[in-house]
Amino acid sequence: MPELVFFSGTMDCGKSTLALQIEHNRSARGLAGMIFTRDDRAGEGKLSSRLGLVTDAVEVEDGQDLYAYLVDHLSQGGRADYVIADEAQFLVPEQIDQLASVVDDLGLDVYAFGITTDFRSNLFPGSQRLVELADRVEVLQVEALCWCGARATHNARTIGGEMVVEGAQVVVGDVNQSEAIGYEVLCRRHHRRRMTSATTRAAALSPDVLPVSSS
């Protein structure tokens, strides 16, 4: 039976890499996939991983009906044996419902990939709807690590290396980017304390915490 599967995890845990691997495995067997994405780091209409792999994709637009897009594609003689939706947290709940209809009405497997919560630890609406509708929710086992070495469970937004908790839910940036807006994965303890790798290094280099020389 076709399934709607949600692969979730923090940033930097290999979601896009797995999406590209699924695409490779199926295309190598002669299957054709439809790939959707939204706000990928590589730019519009791209699915990319931080390992440097990239492939073309359909950039999802505001208000776009994904089910209607698939039906139109198939009606015009196009082929789609499965669907991949990366950055699925950026889709609206109605678009997640449309992906569920692709599974139920068109009989296609849909593999959705995304982070569950934003930088404030609030659920993305798209991810919440996926949890509600998915046949399976798979938490990726490749663990991203906090700067302290503990398992990272939370996503943090940073400006100049300092964690912020205000602002729009969706602002495109990159992991461990120190300039302007960036993102970092943290364990819960350091997310609650707003301690990023940059602020921790700064505290360690402060004269107030350096040992006093006896010379």
N, C-alpha and C. Protein backbone atom coordinates (compact mmCIF):
# COMPACT_ATOMS: atom_id res chain seq x y z
N MET A 1 0.84 -1.19 0.00
CA MET A 1 0.00 0.00 0.00
C MET A 1 0.88 1.25 0.00
N PRO A 2 0.52 2.25 -0.79
CA PRO A 2 1.28 3.51 -0.78
C PRO A 2 1.18 4.19 0.58
N GLU A 3 2.20 4.94 0.93
CA GLU A 3 2.27 5.58 2.25
C GLU A 3 2.69 7.03 2.14
N LEU A 4 2.26 7.81 3.13
CA LEU A 4 2.80 9.14 3.39
C LEU A 4 3.74 8.99 4.57
N VAL A 5 5.04 9.18 4.32
CA VAL A 5 6.05 8.98 5.35
C VAL A 5 6.72 10.32 5.64
N PHE A 6 6.82 10.66 6.91
CA PHE A 6 7.45 11.90 7.33
C PHE A 6 8.77 11.58 8.01
N PHE A 7 9.88 11.98 7.39
CA PHE A 7 11.21 11.83 7.98
C PHE A 7 11.56 13.14 8.66
N SER A 8 11.71 13.10 9.97
CA SER A 8 11.92 14.34 10.73
C SER A 8 13.23 14.28 11.50
N GLY A 9 13.67 15.43 11.92
CA GLY A 9 14.89 15.54 12.70
C GLY A 9 15.30 16.99 12.80
N THR A 10 16.37 17.26 13.53
CA THR A 10 16.88 18.62 13.62
C THR A 10 17.60 18.98 12.34
N MET A 11 18.01 20.22 12.23
CA MET A 11 18.89 20.61 11.15
C MET A 11 20.18 19.80 11.26
N ASP A 12 20.82 19.59 10.12
CA ASP A 12 22.14 18.96 10.09
C ASP A 12 22.13 17.47 10.44
N CYS A 13 20.97 16.81 10.31
CA CYS A 13 20.93 15.38 10.63
C CYS A 13 20.80 14.51 9.39
N GLY A 14 20.89 15.09 8.20
CA GLY A 14 20.94 14.30 6.99
C GLY A 14 19.61 14.08 6.28
N LYS A 15 18.62 14.93 6.53
CA LYS A 15 17.31 14.74 5.89
C LYS A 15 17.40 14.85 4.37
N SER A 16 18.02 15.92 3.89
CA SER A 16 18.11 16.12 2.45
C SER A 16 19.01 15.07 1.80
N THR A 17 20.04 14.64 2.52
CA THR A 17 20.90 13.57 2.01
C THR A 17 20.10 12.30 1.81
N LEU A 18 19.23 11.97 2.76
CA LEU A 18 18.39 10.78 2.64
C LEU A 18 17.40 10.95 1.49
N ALA A 19 16.84 12.15 1.33
CA ALA A 19 15.92 12.40 0.22
C ALA A 19 16.62 12.15 -1.11
N LEU A 20 17.86 12.63 -1.24
CA LEU A 20 18.62 12.42 -2.47
C LEU A 20 18.96 10.95 -2.66
N GLN A 21 19.20 10.23 -1.57
CA GLN A 21 19.50 8.80 -1.67
C GLN A 21 18.28 8.02 -2.14
N ILE A 22 17.11 8.37 -1.61
CA ILE A 22 15.87 7.73 -2.05
C ILE A 22 15.64 7.99 -3.54
N GLU A 23 15.87 9.22 -3.96
CA GLU A 23 15.72 9.57 -5.37
C GLU A 23 16.69 8.75 -6.23
N HIS A 24 17.93 8.64 -5.80
CA HIS A 24 18.93 7.89 -6.55
C HIS A 24 18.56 6.41 -6.66
N ASN A 25 18.17 5.81 -5.53
CA ASN A 25 17.86 4.38 -5.53
C ASN A 25 16.70 4.06 -6.46
N ARG A 26 15.67 4.90 -6.44
CA ARG A 26 14.49 4.62 -7.25
C ARG A 26 14.72 4.94 -8.73
N SER A 27 15.41 6.01 -9.00
CA SER A 27 15.69 6.33 -10.40
C SER A 27 16.62 5.30 -11.02
N ALA A 28 17.51 4.70 -10.22
CA ALA A 28 18.40 3.66 -10.73
C ALA A 28 17.63 2.40 -11.11
N ARG A 29 16.41 2.26 -10.59
CA ARG A 29 15.56 1.11 -10.93
C ARG A 29 14.54 1.47 -12.00
N GLY A 30 14.74 2.59 -12.64
CA GLY A 30 13.88 2.97 -13.74
C GLY A 30 12.61 3.69 -13.34
N LEU A 31 12.49 4.09 -12.06
CA LEU A 31 11.31 4.81 -11.60
C LEU A 31 11.53 6.32 -11.77
N ALA A 32 10.43 7.03 -11.92
CA ALA A 32 10.49 8.49 -12.10
C ALA A 32 9.80 9.16 -10.91
N GLY A 33 10.46 10.10 -10.31
CA GLY A 33 9.90 10.78 -9.16
C GLY A 33 9.57 12.23 -9.44
N MET A 34 8.64 12.77 -8.65
CA MET A 34 8.35 14.20 -8.66
C MET A 34 8.90 14.76 -7.36
N ILE A 35 9.80 15.74 -7.48
CA ILE A 35 10.45 16.29 -6.30
C ILE A 35 9.97 17.72 -6.08
N PHE A 36 9.43 17.97 -4.89
CA PHE A 36 9.02 19.31 -4.48
C PHE A 36 9.98 19.81 -3.41
N THR A 37 10.22 21.09 -3.39
CA THR A 37 11.02 21.69 -2.32
C THR A 37 10.57 23.12 -2.11
N ARG A 38 11.07 23.71 -1.03
CA ARG A 38 10.71 25.10 -0.72
C ARG A 38 11.87 25.74 0.05
N ASP A 39 12.39 26.83 -0.49
CA ASP A 39 13.42 27.61 0.20
C ASP A 39 14.67 26.79 0.51
N ASP A 40 15.14 26.03 -0.46
CA ASP A 40 16.38 25.26 -0.27
C ASP A 40 17.57 26.21 -0.24
N ARG A 41 18.61 25.83 0.50
CA ARG A 41 19.80 26.66 0.64
C ARG A 41 20.51 26.89 -0.70
N ALA A 42 20.33 25.96 -1.66
CA ALA A 42 21.01 26.07 -2.95
C ALA A 42 20.29 26.99 -3.92
N GLY A 43 19.10 27.45 -3.54
CA GLY A 43 18.36 28.36 -4.40
C GLY A 43 17.07 27.75 -4.90
N GLU A 44 16.34 28.52 -5.68
CA GLU A 44 15.02 28.11 -6.15
C GLU A 44 15.10 26.89 -7.07
N GLY A 45 14.18 25.95 -6.85
CA GLY A 45 14.09 24.77 -7.71
C GLY A 45 15.23 23.80 -7.54
N LYS A 46 15.81 23.72 -6.32
CA LYS A 46 16.91 22.81 -6.06
C LYS A 46 16.65 22.02 -4.77
N LEU A 47 17.08 20.78 -4.77
CA LEU A 47 17.15 19.96 -3.56
C LEU A 47 18.61 19.66 -3.34
N SER A 48 19.16 20.11 -2.22
CA SER A 48 20.59 19.96 -1.99
C SER A 48 20.85 19.47 -0.58
N SER A 49 22.02 18.86 -0.41
CA SER A 49 22.46 18.45 0.92
C SER A 49 23.76 19.18 1.24
N ARG A 50 24.13 19.21 2.49
CA ARG A 50 25.36 19.89 2.90
C ARG A 50 26.60 19.10 2.50
N LEU A 51 26.41 17.88 1.99
CA LEU A 51 27.54 17.10 1.48
C LEU A 51 27.93 17.54 0.07
N GLY A 52 27.14 18.47 -0.51
CA GLY A 52 27.44 18.98 -1.83
C GLY A 52 26.62 18.37 -2.95
N LEU A 53 25.72 17.43 -2.64
CA LEU A 53 24.87 16.81 -3.65
C LEU A 53 23.69 17.73 -3.94
N VAL A 54 23.24 17.74 -5.19
CA VAL A 54 22.13 18.62 -5.56
C VAL A 54 21.41 18.04 -6.77
N THR A 55 20.11 18.26 -6.85
CA THR A 55 19.32 17.87 -8.01
C THR A 55 18.22 18.89 -8.23
N ASP A 56 17.64 18.88 -9.41
CA ASP A 56 16.56 19.82 -9.71
C ASP A 56 15.27 19.40 -9.02
N ALA A 57 14.44 20.37 -8.72
CA ALA A 57 13.17 20.11 -8.05
C ALA A 57 12.16 21.17 -8.46
N VAL A 58 10.92 20.94 -8.12
CA VAL A 58 9.85 21.92 -8.36
C VAL A 58 9.74 22.81 -7.12
N GLU A 59 9.93 24.09 -7.29
CA GLU A 59 9.81 25.04 -6.18
C GLU A 59 8.33 25.27 -5.89
N VAL A 60 7.92 24.96 -4.67
CA VAL A 60 6.52 25.12 -4.28
C VAL A 60 6.23 26.59 -4.02
N GLU A 61 5.16 27.08 -4.59
CA GLU A 61 4.78 28.48 -4.42
C GLU A 61 3.64 28.62 -3.42
N ASP A 62 3.46 29.83 -2.91
CA ASP A 62 2.35 30.10 -2.01
C ASP A 62 1.03 29.79 -2.70
N GLY A 63 0.18 29.03 -2.04
CA GLY A 63 -1.14 28.74 -2.57
C GLY A 63 -1.18 27.68 -3.65
N GLN A 64 -0.03 27.10 -4.00
CA GLN A 64 -0.01 26.08 -5.05
C GLN A 64 -0.70 24.80 -4.58
N ASP A 65 -1.49 24.21 -5.47
CA ASP A 65 -2.18 22.95 -5.18
C ASP A 65 -1.30 21.81 -5.70
N LEU A 66 -0.67 21.09 -4.79
CA LEU A 66 0.27 20.04 -5.19
C LEU A 66 -0.44 18.85 -5.82
N TYR A 67 -1.63 18.55 -5.33
CA TYR A 67 -2.41 17.46 -5.92
C TYR A 67 -2.79 17.80 -7.36
N ALA A 68 -3.27 19.01 -7.59
CA ALA A 68 -3.65 19.43 -8.94
C ALA A 68 -2.44 19.45 -9.85
N TYR A 69 -1.27 19.83 -9.32
CA TYR A 69 -0.04 19.85 -10.12
C TYR A 69 0.29 18.44 -10.59
N LEU A 70 0.18 17.45 -9.70
CA LEU A 70 0.46 16.06 -10.08
C LEU A 70 -0.54 15.55 -11.10
N VAL A 71 -1.81 15.84 -10.87
CA VAL A 71 -2.86 15.40 -11.80
C VAL A 71 -2.61 15.98 -13.18
N ASP A 72 -2.28 17.28 -13.26
CA ASP A 72 -2.01 17.93 -14.54
C ASP A 72 -0.79 17.31 -15.21
N HIS A 73 0.23 17.04 -14.42
CA HIS A 73 1.45 16.42 -14.95
C HIS A 73 1.15 15.05 -15.55
N LEU A 74 0.39 14.24 -14.85
CA LEU A 74 0.05 12.90 -15.34
C LEU A 74 -0.90 12.96 -16.53
N SER A 75 -1.81 13.92 -16.50
CA SER A 75 -2.79 14.05 -17.59
C SER A 75 -2.13 14.43 -18.91
N GLN A 76 -1.00 15.13 -18.82
CA GLN A 76 -0.28 15.55 -20.03
C GLN A 76 0.76 14.53 -20.48
N GLY A 77 0.65 13.31 -19.91
CA GLY A 77 1.56 12.24 -20.32
C GLY A 77 2.82 12.14 -19.52
N GLY A 78 2.94 12.98 -18.48
CA GLY A 78 4.11 12.89 -17.62
C GLY A 78 4.05 11.65 -16.75
N ARG A 79 5.15 11.34 -16.11
CA ARG A 79 5.23 10.15 -15.27
C ARG A 79 5.67 10.53 -13.87
N ALA A 80 5.09 9.89 -12.89
CA ALA A 80 5.50 10.05 -11.50
C ALA A 80 5.15 8.77 -10.76
N ASP A 81 6.19 8.07 -10.31
CA ASP A 81 5.99 6.81 -9.58
C ASP A 81 6.03 7.03 -8.07
N TYR A 82 6.53 8.17 -7.64
CA TYR A 82 6.61 8.51 -6.23
C TYR A 82 6.83 10.01 -6.13
N VAL A 83 6.69 10.54 -4.92
CA VAL A 83 6.85 11.98 -4.69
C VAL A 83 7.79 12.18 -3.51
N ILE A 84 8.70 13.13 -3.64
CA ILE A 84 9.58 13.56 -2.55
C ILE A 84 9.28 15.03 -2.27
N ALA A 85 9.06 15.35 -1.02
CA ALA A 85 8.82 16.75 -0.61
C ALA A 85 9.83 17.12 0.45
N ASP A 86 10.84 17.89 0.07
CA ASP A 86 11.86 18.32 1.03
C ASP A 86 11.49 19.69 1.59
N GLU A 87 12.07 20.02 2.75
CA GLU A 87 11.74 21.26 3.46
C GLU A 87 10.23 21.35 3.67
N ALA A 88 9.65 20.21 4.03
CA ALA A 88 8.18 20.12 4.15
C ALA A 88 7.63 20.97 5.28
N GLN A 89 8.48 21.38 6.21
CA GLN A 89 7.99 22.23 7.30
C GLN A 89 7.50 23.57 6.77
N PHE A 90 7.99 23.97 5.58
CA PHE A 90 7.59 25.25 5.01
C PHE A 90 6.28 25.17 4.22
N LEU A 91 5.73 23.98 4.04
CA LEU A 91 4.44 23.85 3.38
C LEU A 91 3.32 24.19 4.35
N VAL A 92 2.21 24.66 3.82
CA VAL A 92 1.07 24.97 4.69
C VAL A 92 0.25 23.70 4.89
N PRO A 93 -0.57 23.64 5.95
CA PRO A 93 -1.35 22.43 6.22
C PRO A 93 -2.18 21.95 5.04
N GLU A 94 -2.74 22.89 4.26
CA GLU A 94 -3.54 22.49 3.11
C GLU A 94 -2.71 21.72 2.08
N GLN A 95 -1.46 22.09 1.94
CA GLN A 95 -0.59 21.38 1.00
C GLN A 95 -0.22 19.99 1.51
N ILE A 96 -0.13 19.83 2.83
CA ILE A 96 0.08 18.50 3.40
C ILE A 96 -1.14 17.63 3.14
N ASP A 97 -2.34 18.20 3.28
CA ASP A 97 -3.56 17.47 2.94
C ASP A 97 -3.53 17.03 1.48
N GLN A 98 -3.02 17.88 0.61
CA GLN A 98 -2.94 17.54 -0.81
C GLN A 98 -1.98 16.39 -1.04
N LEU A 99 -0.89 16.34 -0.30
CA LEU A 99 0.05 15.23 -0.41
C LEU A 99 -0.60 13.93 0.07
N ALA A 100 -1.42 14.02 1.10
CA ALA A 100 -2.15 12.83 1.56
C ALA A 100 -3.10 12.34 0.48
N SER A 101 -3.71 13.27 -0.26
CA SER A 101 -4.61 12.90 -1.35
C SER A 101 -3.84 12.24 -2.49
N VAL A 102 -2.59 12.67 -2.70
CA VAL A 102 -1.75 12.02 -3.71
C VAL A 102 -1.56 10.55 -3.38
N VAL A 103 -1.36 10.26 -2.09
CA VAL A 103 -1.22 8.87 -1.65
C VAL A 103 -2.52 8.10 -1.82
N ASP A 104 -3.60 8.66 -1.29
CA ASP A 104 -4.87 7.94 -1.24
C ASP A 104 -5.57 7.84 -2.59
N ASP A 105 -5.50 8.89 -3.40
CA ASP A 105 -6.27 8.93 -4.65
C ASP A 105 -5.45 8.56 -5.88
N LEU A 106 -4.15 8.87 -5.85
CA LEU A 106 -3.31 8.57 -7.01
C LEU A 106 -2.46 7.32 -6.79
N GLY A 107 -2.41 6.83 -5.56
CA GLY A 107 -1.68 5.60 -5.27
C GLY A 107 -0.18 5.74 -5.33
N LEU A 108 0.35 6.93 -5.01
CA LEU A 108 1.80 7.16 -5.04
C LEU A 108 2.35 7.28 -3.63
N ASP A 109 3.53 6.72 -3.41
CA ASP A 109 4.23 6.94 -2.15
C ASP A 109 4.69 8.39 -2.09
N VAL A 110 4.56 9.01 -0.92
CA VAL A 110 5.06 10.37 -0.71
C VAL A 110 6.03 10.33 0.46
N TYR A 111 7.25 10.82 0.21
CA TYR A 111 8.28 10.89 1.24
C TYR A 111 8.54 12.36 1.55
N ALA A 112 8.15 12.77 2.75
CA ALA A 112 8.30 14.16 3.16
C ALA A 112 9.43 14.28 4.17
N PHE A 113 10.23 15.32 4.03
CA PHE A 113 11.38 15.53 4.90
C PHE A 113 11.33 16.94 5.48
N GLY A 114 11.54 17.05 6.79
CA GLY A 114 11.52 18.38 7.37
C GLY A 114 11.85 18.38 8.85
N ILE A 115 12.15 19.56 9.36
CA ILE A 115 12.35 19.71 10.80
C ILE A 115 10.98 19.93 11.45
N THR A 116 10.87 19.55 12.69
CA THR A 116 9.57 19.57 13.36
C THR A 116 9.28 20.92 14.00
N THR A 117 10.27 21.50 14.69
CA THR A 117 10.04 22.74 15.42
C THR A 117 10.97 23.85 14.93
N ASP A 118 10.53 25.08 15.16
CA ASP A 118 11.32 26.24 14.73
C ASP A 118 12.31 26.65 15.81
N PHE A 119 12.93 27.81 15.62
CA PHE A 119 13.97 28.27 16.55
C PHE A 119 13.43 28.64 17.92
N ARG A 120 12.09 28.74 18.04
CA ARG A 120 11.47 29.03 19.34
C ARG A 120 10.91 27.78 19.97
N SER A 121 11.19 26.61 19.36
CA SER A 121 10.68 25.31 19.82
C SER A 121 9.18 25.17 19.62
N ASN A 122 8.62 25.92 18.66
CA ASN A 122 7.21 25.79 18.30
C ASN A 122 7.09 24.95 17.03
N LEU A 123 6.03 24.16 16.95
CA LEU A 123 5.82 23.33 15.77
C LEU A 123 5.58 24.18 14.54
N PHE A 124 6.23 23.81 13.42
CA PHE A 124 5.85 24.38 12.14
C PHE A 124 4.48 23.83 11.78
N PRO A 125 3.57 24.65 11.25
CA PRO A 125 2.24 24.15 10.88
C PRO A 125 2.29 22.97 9.91
N GLY A 126 3.21 23.02 8.92
CA GLY A 126 3.33 21.92 7.98
C GLY A 126 3.76 20.63 8.66
N SER A 127 4.73 20.74 9.57
CA SER A 127 5.20 19.56 10.29
C SER A 127 4.12 19.01 11.22
N GLN A 128 3.38 19.89 11.86
CA GLN A 128 2.30 19.44 12.73
C GLN A 128 1.27 18.64 11.95
N ARG A 129 0.93 19.13 10.75
CA ARG A 129 -0.06 18.43 9.94
C ARG A 129 0.48 17.09 9.46
N LEU A 130 1.76 17.01 9.17
CA LEU A 130 2.37 15.75 8.79
C LEU A 130 2.31 14.74 9.91
N VAL A 131 2.59 15.18 11.13
CA VAL A 131 2.50 14.27 12.28
C VAL A 131 1.07 13.75 12.43
N GLU A 132 0.10 14.62 12.15
CA GLU A 132 -1.31 14.24 12.27
C GLU A 132 -1.74 13.26 11.19
N LEU A 133 -1.17 13.38 9.97
CA LEU A 133 -1.68 12.61 8.83
C LEU A 133 -0.79 11.46 8.38
N ALA A 134 0.48 11.50 8.68
CA ALA A 134 1.42 10.53 8.10
C ALA A 134 1.10 9.10 8.53
N ASP A 135 1.31 8.18 7.58
CA ASP A 135 1.20 6.76 7.93
C ASP A 135 2.34 6.36 8.84
N ARG A 136 3.49 6.97 8.64
CA ARG A 136 4.66 6.70 9.49
C ARG A 136 5.43 7.99 9.71
N VAL A 137 5.94 8.16 10.91
CA VAL A 137 6.86 9.26 11.21
C VAL A 137 8.18 8.62 11.61
N GLU A 138 9.22 8.90 10.84
CA GLU A 138 10.54 8.32 11.09
C GLU A 138 11.48 9.42 11.58
N VAL A 139 11.98 9.26 12.81
CA VAL A 139 12.98 10.19 13.33
C VAL A 139 14.34 9.70 12.88
N LEU A 140 15.07 10.54 12.16
CA LEU A 140 16.36 10.12 11.60
C LEU A 140 17.35 9.78 12.71
N GLN A 141 18.09 8.71 12.48
CA GLN A 141 18.99 8.19 13.51
C GLN A 141 20.40 8.77 13.45
N VAL A 142 20.70 9.55 12.40
CA VAL A 142 21.99 10.24 12.35
C VAL A 142 21.90 11.45 13.25
N GLU A 143 22.53 11.37 14.41
CA GLU A 143 22.34 12.41 15.42
C GLU A 143 23.21 13.63 15.14
N ALA A 144 22.58 14.78 15.06
CA ALA A 144 23.32 16.03 15.06
C ALA A 144 23.76 16.32 16.49
N LEU A 145 24.90 16.96 16.64
CA LEU A 145 25.46 17.18 17.98
C LEU A 145 25.50 18.66 18.32
N CYS A 146 25.18 18.95 19.56
CA CYS A 146 25.36 20.29 20.13
C CYS A 146 26.86 20.56 20.26
N TRP A 147 27.23 21.83 20.42
CA TRP A 147 28.64 22.16 20.59
C TRP A 147 29.26 21.47 21.79
N CYS A 148 28.44 21.09 22.77
CA CYS A 148 28.95 20.44 23.98
C CYS A 148 29.17 18.95 23.79
N GLY A 149 28.73 18.40 22.65
CA GLY A 149 28.88 16.99 22.38
C GLY A 149 27.64 16.16 22.64
N ALA A 150 26.64 16.76 23.30
CA ALA A 150 25.39 16.05 23.57
C ALA A 150 24.53 16.02 22.31
N ARG A 151 23.54 15.12 22.29
CA ARG A 151 22.65 15.03 21.14
C ARG A 151 21.86 16.33 20.99
N ALA A 152 21.88 16.89 19.79
CA ALA A 152 21.14 18.12 19.52
C ALA A 152 19.67 17.81 19.30
N THR A 153 18.82 18.54 19.97
CA THR A 153 17.38 18.32 19.87
C THR A 153 16.61 19.56 19.47
N HIS A 154 17.27 20.71 19.45
CA HIS A 154 16.59 21.97 19.18
C HIS A 154 17.36 22.78 18.13
N ASN A 155 16.60 23.57 17.37
CA ASN A 155 17.18 24.44 16.36
C ASN A 155 17.21 25.87 16.89
N ALA A 156 18.35 26.51 16.75
CA ALA A 156 18.49 27.89 17.24
C ALA A 156 18.79 28.82 16.07
N ARG A 157 18.20 30.00 16.10
CA ARG A 157 18.55 31.06 15.14
C ARG A 157 19.54 31.99 15.81
N THR A 158 20.56 32.37 15.05
CA THR A 158 21.58 33.24 15.61
C THR A 158 21.76 34.48 14.74
N ILE A 159 22.17 35.56 15.37
CA ILE A 159 22.58 36.78 14.67
C ILE A 159 23.95 37.15 15.23
N GLY A 160 24.96 37.08 14.36
CA GLY A 160 26.31 37.32 14.82
C GLY A 160 26.76 36.32 15.86
N GLY A 161 26.22 35.11 15.81
CA GLY A 161 26.60 34.07 16.75
C GLY A 161 25.77 34.01 18.02
N GLU A 162 24.94 35.05 18.25
CA GLU A 162 24.12 35.07 19.46
C GLU A 162 22.70 34.59 19.15
N MET A 163 22.17 33.76 20.01
CA MET A 163 20.84 33.18 19.81
C MET A 163 19.75 34.24 19.99
N VAL A 164 18.76 34.20 19.10
CA VAL A 164 17.61 35.11 19.18
C VAL A 164 16.34 34.28 19.25
N VAL A 165 15.32 34.84 19.88
CA VAL A 165 14.04 34.12 20.03
C VAL A 165 12.87 34.94 19.51
N GLU A 166 13.15 36.02 18.80
CA GLU A 166 12.11 36.85 18.22
C GLU A 166 12.31 36.90 16.70
N GLY A 167 11.22 37.12 15.98
CA GLY A 167 11.31 37.26 14.54
C GLY A 167 10.37 36.33 13.81
N ALA A 168 10.34 36.47 12.50
CA ALA A 168 9.47 35.64 11.67
C ALA A 168 9.86 34.17 11.79
N GLN A 169 8.86 33.29 11.64
CA GLN A 169 9.14 31.86 11.79
C GLN A 169 10.06 31.35 10.70
N VAL A 170 9.93 31.88 9.48
CA VAL A 170 10.73 31.40 8.35
C VAL A 170 11.66 32.51 7.88
N VAL A 171 12.96 32.29 8.10
CA VAL A 171 14.00 33.15 7.55
C VAL A 171 15.10 32.22 7.09
N VAL A 172 15.41 32.24 5.79
CA VAL A 172 16.38 31.30 5.24
C VAL A 172 17.78 31.71 5.65
N GLY A 173 18.54 30.74 6.17
CA GLY A 173 19.93 30.93 6.52
C GLY A 173 20.63 29.60 6.44
N ASP A 174 21.81 29.50 7.04
CA ASP A 174 22.54 28.25 6.99
C ASP A 174 23.05 27.90 8.38
N VAL A 175 23.35 26.60 8.55
CA VAL A 175 23.82 26.13 9.85
C VAL A 175 25.24 26.63 10.11
N ASN A 176 25.50 27.05 11.36
CA ASN A 176 26.83 27.48 11.79
C ASN A 176 27.36 28.68 11.01
N GLN A 177 26.48 29.51 10.53
CA GLN A 177 26.88 30.73 9.84
C GLN A 177 27.01 31.83 10.88
N SER A 178 28.19 32.42 10.98
CA SER A 178 28.43 33.41 12.03
C SER A 178 28.02 34.82 11.62
N GLU A 179 28.01 35.09 10.31
CA GLU A 179 27.65 36.42 9.85
C GLU A 179 26.15 36.52 9.65
N ALA A 180 25.60 37.67 10.00
CA ALA A 180 24.17 37.94 9.81
C ALA A 180 23.34 36.82 10.45
N ILE A 181 22.32 36.33 9.72
CA ILE A 181 21.43 35.32 10.27
C ILE A 181 21.96 33.93 9.97
N GLY A 182 22.08 33.13 10.99
CA GLY A 182 22.51 31.75 10.84
C GLY A 182 21.69 30.84 11.73
N TYR A 183 22.01 29.56 11.71
CA TYR A 183 21.30 28.58 12.53
C TYR A 183 22.30 27.63 13.16
N GLU A 184 21.94 27.12 14.32
CA GLU A 184 22.79 26.18 15.03
C GLU A 184 21.90 25.18 15.77
N VAL A 185 22.35 23.93 15.82
CA VAL A 185 21.60 22.93 16.57
C VAL A 185 22.19 22.84 17.98
N LEU A 186 21.30 22.76 18.96
CA LEU A 186 21.70 22.74 20.36
C LEU A 186 20.97 21.64 21.12
N CYS A 187 21.54 21.20 22.23
CA CYS A 187 20.79 20.34 23.13
C CYS A 187 19.77 21.21 23.87
N ARG A 188 18.80 20.58 24.53
CA ARG A 188 17.74 21.35 25.18
C ARG A 188 18.31 22.29 26.25
N ARG A 189 19.28 21.79 27.03
CA ARG A 189 19.82 22.60 28.11
C ARG A 189 20.42 23.89 27.58
N HIS A 190 21.23 23.81 26.53
CA HIS A 190 21.88 25.02 26.04
C HIS A 190 20.95 25.87 25.19
N HIS A 191 19.91 25.26 24.61
CA HIS A 191 18.89 26.07 23.95
C HIS A 191 18.13 26.90 24.98
N ARG A 192 17.78 26.30 26.11
CA ARG A 192 17.06 27.03 27.16
C ARG A 192 17.93 28.14 27.74
N ARG A 193 19.23 27.90 27.80
CA ARG A 193 20.14 28.90 28.36
C ARG A 193 20.66 29.88 27.30
N ARG A 194 20.27 29.65 26.04
CA ARG A 194 20.68 30.49 24.91
C ARG A 194 22.20 30.55 24.78
N MET A 195 22.83 29.39 24.95
CA MET A 195 24.28 29.30 24.88
C MET A 195 24.69 28.66 23.57
N THR A 196 25.18 29.46 22.63
CA THR A 196 25.64 28.95 21.34
C THR A 196 27.15 28.70 21.41
N SER A 197 27.70 28.09 20.38
CA SER A 197 29.14 27.85 20.35
C SER A 197 29.91 29.16 20.38
N ALA A 198 29.40 30.17 19.67
CA ALA A 198 30.10 31.46 19.60
C ALA A 198 30.10 32.17 20.95
N THR A 199 28.95 32.21 21.62
CA THR A 199 28.90 32.90 22.90
C THR A 199 29.69 32.14 23.96
N THR A 200 29.75 30.83 23.85
CA THR A 200 30.54 30.04 24.79
C THR A 200 32.02 30.31 24.62
N ARG A 201 32.48 30.40 23.35
CA ARG A 201 33.88 30.73 23.10
C ARG A 201 34.21 32.12 23.61
N ALA A 202 33.29 33.05 23.40
CA ALA A 202 33.53 34.42 23.85
C ALA A 202 33.66 34.47 25.37
N ALA A 203 32.82 33.70 26.07
CA ALA A 203 32.89 33.67 27.53
C ALA A 203 34.20 33.05 28.00
N ALA A 204 34.65 32.00 27.27
CA ALA A 204 35.89 31.34 27.65
C ALA A 204 37.10 32.25 27.46
N LEU A 205 37.02 33.18 26.48
CA LEU A 205 38.13 34.09 26.21
C LEU A 205 38.08 35.37 27.02
N SER A 206 37.00 35.54 27.79
CA SER A 206 36.87 36.77 28.58
C SER A 206 37.94 36.83 29.65
N PRO A 207 38.52 38.03 29.88
CA PRO A 207 39.53 38.17 30.93
C PRO A 207 39.01 37.78 32.31
N ASP A 208 37.68 37.87 32.50
CA ASP A 208 37.11 37.55 33.79
C ASP A 208 37.24 36.08 34.14
N VAL A 209 37.40 35.22 33.10
CA VAL A 209 37.45 33.79 33.39
C VAL A 209 38.81 33.19 33.08
N LEU A 210 39.76 34.02 32.61
CA LEU A 210 41.10 33.50 32.36
C LEU A 210 41.87 33.33 33.67
N PRO A 211 42.67 32.28 33.77
CA PRO A 211 43.47 32.11 34.99
C PRO A 211 44.51 33.22 35.14
N VAL A 212 44.79 33.59 36.37
CA VAL A 212 45.75 34.65 36.64
C VAL A 212 47.16 34.05 36.62
N SER A 213 48.04 34.65 35.83
CA SER A 213 49.41 34.15 35.73
C SER A 213 50.20 34.52 36.97
N SER A 214 51.09 33.63 37.41
CA SER A 214 51.89 33.89 38.60
C SER A 214 53.15 34.67 38.26
N SER A 215 53.44 34.86 36.93
CA SER A 215 54.66 35.55 36.54
C SER A 215 54.45 37.07 36.56
